[in-house]
Amino acid sequence: MSSKPSGKKHNAGYDFQKDALAVITNDIVRYLTSLPDTSDISLAGSPPVVDEIKRWHEMNAPFELPEDLCNFYSVTNGLSLSWNCNYPLQFSIGLDNSRSKQEHQQDVGSQETDVQKSELVGSAFIYPLSRLERMNVEPSQIDPSNLVNSKMEHQIDKFGAVAFVIEKMASSYGQVALMFNAKTIMQNERECASSPSVWFQDESRKWFKIASNFTGYFRLMIVHLGIIGWQK
């Protein structure tokens, strides 16, 4: 995946075609680079895995990856975004801010030194296809407050779900997964077997819906620049 800056504009409704995804990723890198005090910006993908998609469907039947995620893996086998922010030492996260800048500078032997600390602020990724982790979700773990009246989510809070984890947060913030309705899957409803929504599980072990589809989740991830904990 190229990191060469591009002057093209992209549509907010990502189609996950190779050229469009390249423009999106180039725009992210260019924007982060333009911000003051950002450093160690990294955005990387892997070669596509078109043949492995069919094999994944065979191994995980009756579950099928939604079309937008298949298109994504047909362009890149996962995606990783990370970036740091440089803070003046006395204002760095987790440090004692009661001390003066002069005291901090004296610690390093010079009052002329501008002491800074670089900390990870953005960390987001989509797992490679082979790392999608299957798990069963109990009804008691599902927050029903934002369920919609659709076939896919009908009574998901009563019958539970089957999830495939696509991302685990840094520092145990939680995890993100594609959520399939367990009841409709058991009834062999093909439409529901390929139409999962995207949910986030926080430290309480509860699952909360983030987006109706993978495209919607990817859009939110990009808008938030992968800032750690943006899903909360």
C-alpha atoms as a PDB file:
ATOM      1  CA  MET A   1       0.000   0.000   0.000  1.00  0.00           C
ATOM      2  CA  SER A   2       1.549   3.244  -1.114  1.00  0.00           C
ATOM      3  CA  SER A   3       2.290   6.058   1.335  1.00  0.00           C
ATOM      4  CA  LYS A   4       2.932   8.605  -1.433  1.00  0.00           C
ATOM      5  CA  PRO A   5       0.883  11.769  -0.779  1.00  0.00           C
ATOM      6  CA  SER A   6      -2.094  12.232  -3.049  1.00  0.00           C
ATOM      7  CA  GLY A   7      -3.974  15.389  -3.966  1.00  0.00           C
ATOM      8  CA  LYS A   8      -7.162  13.512  -4.810  1.00  0.00           C
ATOM      9  CA  LYS A   9     -10.274  13.814  -2.695  1.00  0.00           C
ATOM     10  CA  HIS A  10     -12.178  10.751  -1.555  1.00  0.00           C
ATOM     11  CA  ASN A  11     -15.820  10.050  -0.931  1.00  0.00           C
ATOM     12  CA  ALA A  12     -16.846   9.382   2.682  1.00  0.00           C
ATOM     13  CA  GLY A  13     -18.614   6.182   1.574  1.00  0.00           C
ATOM     14  CA  TYR A  14     -15.555   3.982   1.167  1.00  0.00           C
ATOM     15  CA  ASP A  15     -15.795   1.360  -1.571  1.00  0.00           C
ATOM     16  CA  PHE A  16     -12.553  -0.418  -0.560  1.00  0.00           C
ATOM     17  CA  GLN A  17     -11.236  -0.514  -4.094  1.00  0.00           C
ATOM     18  CA  LYS A  18      -7.451  -0.374  -4.339  1.00  0.00           C
ATOM     19  CA  ASP A  19      -7.144   3.209  -5.626  1.00  0.00           C
ATOM     20  CA  ALA A  20      -9.780   4.580  -3.249  1.00  0.00           C
ATOM     21  CA  LEU A  21      -8.228   2.929  -0.186  1.00  0.00           C
ATOM     22  CA  ALA A  22      -4.795   4.241  -1.176  1.00  0.00           C
ATOM     23  CA  VAL A  23      -6.181   7.792  -1.320  1.00  0.00           C
ATOM     24  CA  ILE A  24      -7.799   7.387   2.104  1.00  0.00           C
ATOM     25  CA  THR A  25      -4.631   6.092   3.760  1.00  0.00           C
ATOM     26  CA  ASN A  26      -2.452   8.706   2.073  1.00  0.00           C
ATOM     27  CA  ASP A  27      -4.786  11.435   3.300  1.00  0.00           C
ATOM     28  CA  ILE A  28      -4.551  10.130   6.880  1.00  0.00           C
ATOM     29  CA  VAL A  29      -0.746  10.138   6.856  1.00  0.00           C
ATOM     30  CA  ARG A  30      -0.614  13.574   5.269  1.00  0.00           C
ATOM     31  CA  TYR A  31      -3.063  15.030   7.798  1.00  0.00           C
ATOM     32  CA  LEU A  32      -1.309  13.523  10.847  1.00  0.00           C
ATOM     33  CA  THR A  33       2.038  14.735   9.529  1.00  0.00           C
ATOM     34  CA  SER A  34       0.648  18.283   9.283  1.00  0.00           C
ATOM     35  CA  LEU A  35      -0.342  18.344  12.973  1.00  0.00           C
ATOM     36  CA  PRO A  36       2.066  19.872  15.497  1.00  0.00           C
ATOM     37  CA  ASP A  37       3.840  17.513  17.895  1.00  0.00           C
ATOM     38  CA  THR A  38       2.908  14.247  16.151  1.00  0.00           C
ATOM     39  CA  SER A  39       5.621  11.666  15.540  1.00  0.00           C
ATOM     40  CA  ASP A  40       6.257   8.000  14.717  1.00  0.00           C
ATOM     41  CA  ILE A  41       3.319   7.873  12.292  1.00  0.00           C
ATOM     42  CA  SER A  42       2.853   4.408  10.863  1.00  0.00           C
ATOM     43  CA  LEU A  43       0.137   3.089   8.558  1.00  0.00           C
ATOM     44  CA  ALA A  44       0.601  -0.265   6.884  1.00  0.00           C
ATOM     45  CA  GLY A  45      -1.315  -3.020   5.151  1.00  0.00           C
ATOM     46  CA  SER A  46      -0.468  -6.445   3.757  1.00  0.00           C
ATOM     47  CA  PRO A  47      -0.908  -8.198   0.398  1.00  0.00           C
ATOM     48  CA  PRO A  48      -4.536  -9.117  -0.390  1.00  0.00           C
ATOM     49  CA  VAL A  49      -5.893 -12.598   0.349  1.00  0.00           C
ATOM     50  CA  VAL A  50      -8.565 -13.140  -2.301  1.00  0.00           C
ATOM     51  CA  ASP A  51      -8.277 -16.939  -2.383  1.00  0.00           C
ATOM     52  CA  GLU A  52      -8.349 -17.228   1.410  1.00  0.00           C
ATOM     53  CA  ILE A  53     -11.783 -15.547   1.631  1.00  0.00           C
ATOM     54  CA  LYS A  54     -13.548 -18.532   0.034  1.00  0.00           C
ATOM     55  CA  ARG A  55     -11.609 -20.894   2.271  1.00  0.00           C
ATOM     56  CA  TRP A  56     -12.639 -18.853   5.347  1.00  0.00           C
ATOM     57  CA  HIS A  57     -16.313 -19.167   4.352  1.00  0.00           C
ATOM     58  CA  GLU A  58     -15.963 -22.937   3.975  1.00  0.00           C
ATOM     59  CA  MET A  59     -14.295 -23.305   7.374  1.00  0.00           C
ATOM     60  CA  ASN A  60     -16.779 -21.056   9.189  1.00  0.00           C
ATOM     61  CA  ALA A  61     -20.061 -21.978   7.487  1.00  0.00           C
ATOM     62  CA  PRO A  62     -22.824 -20.907   7.733  1.00  0.00           C
ATOM     63  CA  PHE A  63     -21.170 -17.582   8.571  1.00  0.00           C
ATOM     64  CA  GLU A  64     -20.018 -15.403   5.687  1.00  0.00           C
ATOM     65  CA  LEU A  65     -18.045 -12.199   5.743  1.00  0.00           C
ATOM     66  CA  PRO A  66     -20.105  -9.231   4.520  1.00  0.00           C
ATOM     67  CA  GLU A  67     -19.376  -7.960   1.031  1.00  0.00           C
ATOM     68  CA  ASP A  68     -17.669  -4.753   2.190  1.00  0.00           C
ATOM     69  CA  LEU A  69     -15.218  -6.687   4.392  1.00  0.00           C
ATOM     70  CA  CYS A  70     -14.528  -9.145   1.545  1.00  0.00           C
ATOM     71  CA  ASN A  71     -13.702  -6.160  -0.661  1.00  0.00           C
ATOM     72  CA  PHE A  72     -11.393  -4.832   2.061  1.00  0.00           C
ATOM     73  CA  TYR A  73      -9.458  -8.112   2.310  1.00  0.00           C
ATOM     74  CA  SER A  74      -9.299  -8.217  -1.491  1.00  0.00           C
ATOM     75  CA  VAL A  75      -7.215  -5.027  -1.283  1.00  0.00           C
ATOM     76  CA  THR A  76      -5.226  -5.491   1.931  1.00  0.00           C
ATOM     77  CA  ASN A  77      -5.008  -8.293   4.500  1.00  0.00           C
ATOM     78  CA  GLY A  78      -5.611  -6.084   7.514  1.00  0.00           C
ATOM     79  CA  LEU A  79      -4.565  -2.537   8.346  1.00  0.00           C
ATOM     80  CA  SER A  80      -2.484  -1.003  11.129  1.00  0.00           C
ATOM     81  CA  LEU A  81      -2.401   2.673  12.148  1.00  0.00           C
ATOM     82  CA  SER A  82      -0.350   4.128  14.999  1.00  0.00           C
ATOM     83  CA  TRP A  83       1.013   7.530  15.913  1.00  0.00           C
ATOM     84  CA  ASN A  84       2.561   9.334  18.871  1.00  0.00           C
ATOM     85  CA  CYS A  85       2.189  12.789  20.350  1.00  0.00           C
ATOM     86  CA  ASN A  86       5.054  14.728  21.916  1.00  0.00           C
ATOM     87  CA  TYR A  87       4.173  16.379  25.238  1.00  0.00           C
ATOM     88  CA  PRO A  88       6.181  18.829  27.333  1.00  0.00           C
ATOM     89  CA  LEU A  89       7.381  16.598  30.145  1.00  0.00           C
ATOM     90  CA  GLN A  90       5.544  18.418  32.949  1.00  0.00           C
ATOM     91  CA  PHE A  91       2.243  18.008  31.094  1.00  0.00           C
ATOM     92  CA  SER A  92       2.781  14.431  30.012  1.00  0.00           C
ATOM     93  CA  ILE A  93       0.066  11.951  30.879  1.00  0.00           C
ATOM     94  CA  GLY A  94       0.535  10.294  34.244  1.00  0.00           C
ATOM     95  CA  LEU A  95       3.325  12.599  35.468  1.00  0.00           C
ATOM     96  CA  ASP A  96       3.324  14.903  38.496  1.00  0.00           C
ATOM     97  CA  ASN A  97       2.374  18.300  37.033  1.00  0.00           C
ATOM     98  CA  SER A  98       2.977  20.179  40.300  1.00  0.00           C
ATOM     99  CA  ARG A  99       6.670  20.644  39.533  1.00  0.00           C
ATOM    100  CA  SER A 100       7.782  23.590  37.477  1.00  0.00           C
ATOM    101  CA  LYS A 101       9.310  23.372  34.025  1.00  0.00           C
ATOM    102  CA  GLN A 102      12.532  24.799  35.498  1.00  0.00           C
ATOM    103  CA  GLU A 103      12.740  21.928  37.988  1.00  0.00           C
ATOM    104  CA  HIS A 104      12.279  19.383  35.214  1.00  0.00           C
ATOM    105  CA  GLN A 105      14.954  21.065  33.122  1.00  0.00           C
ATOM    106  CA  GLN A 106      17.373  21.111  36.065  1.00  0.00           C
ATOM    107  CA  ASP A 107      16.920  17.336  36.321  1.00  0.00           C
ATOM    108  CA  VAL A 108      18.503  16.935  32.906  1.00  0.00           C
ATOM    109  CA  GLY A 109      21.278  19.402  33.637  1.00  0.00           C
ATOM    110  CA  SER A 110      20.260  22.360  31.470  1.00  0.00           C
ATOM    111  CA  GLN A 111      17.655  25.091  31.712  1.00  0.00           C
ATOM    112  CA  GLU A 112      17.842  25.467  27.936  1.00  0.00           C
ATOM    113  CA  THR A 113      16.576  21.957  27.257  1.00  0.00           C
ATOM    114  CA  ASP A 114      12.966  21.590  26.088  1.00  0.00           C
ATOM    115  CA  VAL A 115      12.123  18.267  27.734  1.00  0.00           C
ATOM    116  CA  GLN A 116       9.442  16.262  25.937  1.00  0.00           C
ATOM    117  CA  LYS A 117       7.920  12.816  26.188  1.00  0.00           C
ATOM    118  CA  SER A 118       6.536  10.891  23.226  1.00  0.00           C
ATOM    119  CA  GLU A 119       3.453   8.794  23.972  1.00  0.00           C
ATOM    120  CA  LEU A 120       1.260   6.525  21.878  1.00  0.00           C
ATOM    121  CA  VAL A 121      -2.070   8.279  21.178  1.00  0.00           C
ATOM    122  CA  GLY A 122      -3.397   6.582  18.058  1.00  0.00           C
ATOM    123  CA  SER A 123      -3.508   2.804  17.710  1.00  0.00           C
ATOM    124  CA  ALA A 124      -6.054   1.122  15.464  1.00  0.00           C
ATOM    125  CA  PHE A 125      -6.017  -1.914  13.257  1.00  0.00           C
ATOM    126  CA  ILE A 126      -8.125  -4.468  11.451  1.00  0.00           C
ATOM    127  CA  TYR A 127      -6.956  -8.031  11.992  1.00  0.00           C
ATOM    128  CA  PRO A 128      -5.641 -10.088   9.067  1.00  0.00           C
ATOM    129  CA  LEU A 129      -8.226 -12.606   7.885  1.00  0.00           C
ATOM    130  CA  SER A 130      -6.474 -15.548   9.546  1.00  0.00           C
ATOM    131  CA  ARG A 131      -6.638 -13.840  12.958  1.00  0.00           C
ATOM    132  CA  LEU A 132     -10.406 -13.341  13.135  1.00  0.00           C
ATOM    133  CA  GLU A 133     -11.303 -14.935  16.464  1.00  0.00           C
ATOM    134  CA  ARG A 134     -14.689 -16.618  16.929  1.00  0.00           C
ATOM    135  CA  MET A 135     -16.514 -16.377  20.241  1.00  0.00           C
ATOM    136  CA  ASN A 136     -20.016 -16.965  21.612  1.00  0.00           C
ATOM    137  CA  VAL A 137     -21.818 -14.017  23.195  1.00  0.00           C
ATOM    138  CA  GLU A 138     -24.368 -14.610  25.956  1.00  0.00           C
ATOM    139  CA  PRO A 139     -27.619 -12.582  25.998  1.00  0.00           C
ATOM    140  CA  SER A 140     -26.659 -11.074  29.364  1.00  0.00           C
ATOM    141  CA  GLN A 141     -23.573  -9.517  27.759  1.00  0.00           C
ATOM    142  CA  ILE A 142     -25.530  -7.544  25.150  1.00  0.00           C
ATOM    143  CA  ASP A 143     -26.750  -3.996  25.711  1.00  0.00           C
ATOM    144  CA  PRO A 144     -30.207  -3.868  24.051  1.00  0.00           C
ATOM    145  CA  SER A 145     -30.582  -0.073  24.178  1.00  0.00           C
ATOM    146  CA  ASN A 146     -29.438   0.542  20.591  1.00  0.00           C
ATOM    147  CA  LEU A 147     -30.794  -2.531  18.829  1.00  0.00           C
ATOM    148  CA  VAL A 148     -32.822  -1.866  15.697  1.00  0.00           C
ATOM    149  CA  ASN A 149     -35.922  -3.725  14.569  1.00  0.00           C
ATOM    150  CA  SER A 150     -34.209  -5.708  11.846  1.00  0.00           C
ATOM    151  CA  LYS A 151     -34.128  -9.425  11.087  1.00  0.00           C
ATOM    152  CA  MET A 152     -30.436  -9.581  11.867  1.00  0.00           C
ATOM    153  CA  GLU A 153     -30.768  -8.048  15.356  1.00  0.00           C
ATOM    154  CA  HIS A 154     -34.242  -9.343  16.259  1.00  0.00           C
ATOM    155  CA  GLN A 155     -34.129 -10.722  19.812  1.00  0.00           C
ATOM    156  CA  ILE A 156     -30.336 -10.811  19.785  1.00  0.00           C
ATOM    157  CA  ASP A 157     -30.484  -9.747  23.432  1.00  0.00           C
ATOM    158  CA  LYS A 158     -32.577 -12.867  24.183  1.00  0.00           C
ATOM    159  CA  PHE A 159     -30.843 -15.541  22.119  1.00  0.00           C
ATOM    160  CA  GLY A 160     -27.278 -14.285  22.107  1.00  0.00           C
ATOM    161  CA  ALA A 161     -24.876 -13.994  19.202  1.00  0.00           C
ATOM    162  CA  VAL A 162     -21.791 -15.379  17.524  1.00  0.00           C
ATOM    163  CA  ALA A 163     -18.969 -12.873  17.143  1.00  0.00           C
ATOM    164  CA  PHE A 164     -15.729 -12.681  15.177  1.00  0.00           C
ATOM    165  CA  VAL A 165     -13.197 -10.327  16.735  1.00  0.00           C
ATOM    166  CA  ILE A 166     -11.616  -7.978  14.190  1.00  0.00           C
ATOM    167  CA  GLU A 167      -9.673  -5.743  16.596  1.00  0.00           C
ATOM    168  CA  LYS A 168      -8.442  -5.781  20.190  1.00  0.00           C
ATOM    169  CA  MET A 169      -7.633  -2.446  21.788  1.00  0.00           C
ATOM    170  CA  ALA A 170      -4.270  -1.486  23.206  1.00  0.00           C
ATOM    171  CA  SER A 171      -3.944  -1.456  27.012  1.00  0.00           C
ATOM    172  CA  SER A 172      -7.018  -3.696  27.505  1.00  0.00           C
ATOM    173  CA  TYR A 173      -9.519  -1.037  26.439  1.00  0.00           C
ATOM    174  CA  GLY A 174     -11.751  -3.710  24.888  1.00  0.00           C
ATOM    175  CA  GLN A 175     -12.364  -5.401  21.556  1.00  0.00           C
ATOM    176  CA  VAL A 176     -14.415  -4.974  18.381  1.00  0.00           C
ATOM    177  CA  ALA A 177     -16.261  -7.787  16.602  1.00  0.00           C
ATOM    178  CA  LEU A 178     -18.676  -8.646  13.830  1.00  0.00           C
ATOM    179  CA  MET A 179     -21.877  -9.802  15.554  1.00  0.00           C
ATOM    180  CA  PHE A 180     -24.170 -12.474  14.052  1.00  0.00           C
ATOM    181  CA  ASN A 181     -27.624 -13.232  15.484  1.00  0.00           C
ATOM    182  CA  ALA A 182     -27.426 -16.734  16.985  1.00  0.00           C
ATOM    183  CA  LYS A 183     -31.170 -17.466  16.608  1.00  0.00           C
ATOM    184  CA  THR A 184     -31.400 -16.635  12.918  1.00  0.00           C
ATOM    185  CA  ILE A 185     -28.158 -18.463  12.204  1.00  0.00           C
ATOM    186  CA  MET A 186     -29.586 -21.617  13.799  1.00  0.00           C
ATOM    187  CA  GLN A 187     -32.586 -21.256  11.499  1.00  0.00           C
ATOM    188  CA  ASN A 188     -30.218 -21.193   8.482  1.00  0.00           C
ATOM    189  CA  GLU A 189     -31.298 -17.757   7.270  1.00  0.00           C
ATOM    190  CA  ARG A 190     -28.619 -16.960   4.721  1.00  0.00           C
ATOM    191  CA  GLU A 191     -29.316 -13.224   4.666  1.00  0.00           C
ATOM    192  CA  CYS A 192     -28.475 -12.915   8.355  1.00  0.00           C
ATOM    193  CA  ALA A 193     -25.437 -15.153   7.995  1.00  0.00           C
ATOM    194  CA  SER A 194     -23.755 -12.497   5.843  1.00  0.00           C
ATOM    195  CA  SER A 195     -25.128  -9.280   7.403  1.00  0.00           C
ATOM    196  CA  PRO A 196     -23.405  -8.760  10.763  1.00  0.00           C
ATOM    197  CA  SER A 197     -23.283  -5.459  12.615  1.00  0.00           C
ATOM    198  CA  VAL A 198     -20.184  -4.222  14.473  1.00  0.00           C
ATOM    199  CA  TRP A 199     -20.043  -4.158  18.283  1.00  0.00           C
ATOM    200  CA  PHE A 200     -17.585  -3.064  20.976  1.00  0.00           C
ATOM    201  CA  GLN A 201     -16.938  -4.891  24.250  1.00  0.00           C
ATOM    202  CA  ASP A 202     -15.566  -2.742  27.064  1.00  0.00           C
ATOM    203  CA  GLU A 203     -13.889  -3.690  30.362  1.00  0.00           C
ATOM    204  CA  SER A 204     -17.274  -4.534  31.924  1.00  0.00           C
ATOM    205  CA  ARG A 205     -17.591  -7.369  29.356  1.00  0.00           C
ATOM    206  CA  LYS A 206     -20.767  -5.783  27.973  1.00  0.00           C
ATOM    207  CA  TRP A 207     -21.205  -5.451  24.199  1.00  0.00           C
ATOM    208  CA  PHE A 208     -22.404  -2.158  22.663  1.00  0.00           C
ATOM    209  CA  LYS A 209     -23.309  -1.635  19.021  1.00  0.00           C
ATOM    210  CA  ILE A 210     -21.054   0.802  17.132  1.00  0.00           C
ATOM    211  CA  ALA A 211     -22.091   0.495  13.492  1.00  0.00           C
ATOM    212  CA  SER A 212     -24.579  -1.344  11.284  1.00  0.00           C
ATOM    213  CA  ASN A 213     -21.825  -2.650   8.999  1.00  0.00           C
ATOM    214  CA  PHE A 214     -18.066  -2.803   8.522  1.00  0.00           C
ATOM    215  CA  THR A 215     -18.007   0.229   6.208  1.00  0.00           C
ATOM    216  CA  GLY A 216     -19.646   2.338   8.900  1.00  0.00           C
ATOM    217  CA  TYR A 217     -17.131   1.159  11.497  1.00  0.00           C
ATOM    218  CA  PHE A 218     -14.158   1.799   9.218  1.00  0.00           C
ATOM    219  CA  ARG A 219     -15.425   5.318   8.504  1.00  0.00           C
ATOM    220  CA  LEU A 220     -15.666   6.065  12.240  1.00  0.00           C
ATOM    221  CA  MET A 221     -12.193   4.658  12.873  1.00  0.00           C
ATOM    222  CA  ILE A 222     -10.723   6.940  10.211  1.00  0.00           C
ATOM    223  CA  VAL A 223     -12.635  10.036  11.391  1.00  0.00           C
ATOM    224  CA  HIS A 224     -11.316   9.453  14.936  1.00  0.00           C
ATOM    225  CA  LEU A 225      -7.767   8.870  13.609  1.00  0.00           C
ATOM    226  CA  GLY A 226      -7.574   5.670  15.646  1.00  0.00           C
ATOM    227  CA  ILE A 227      -7.259   7.583  18.932  1.00  0.00           C
ATOM    228  CA  ILE A 228      -7.069   5.001  21.714  1.00  0.00           C
ATOM    229  CA  GLY A 229     -10.476   4.493  23.322  1.00  0.00           C
ATOM    230  CA  TRP A 230     -12.527   6.362  20.692  1.00  0.00           C
ATOM    231  CA  GLN A 231     -15.126   3.571  20.711  1.00  0.00           C
ATOM    232  CA  LYS A 232     -16.220   4.409  24.262  1.00  0.00           C
END
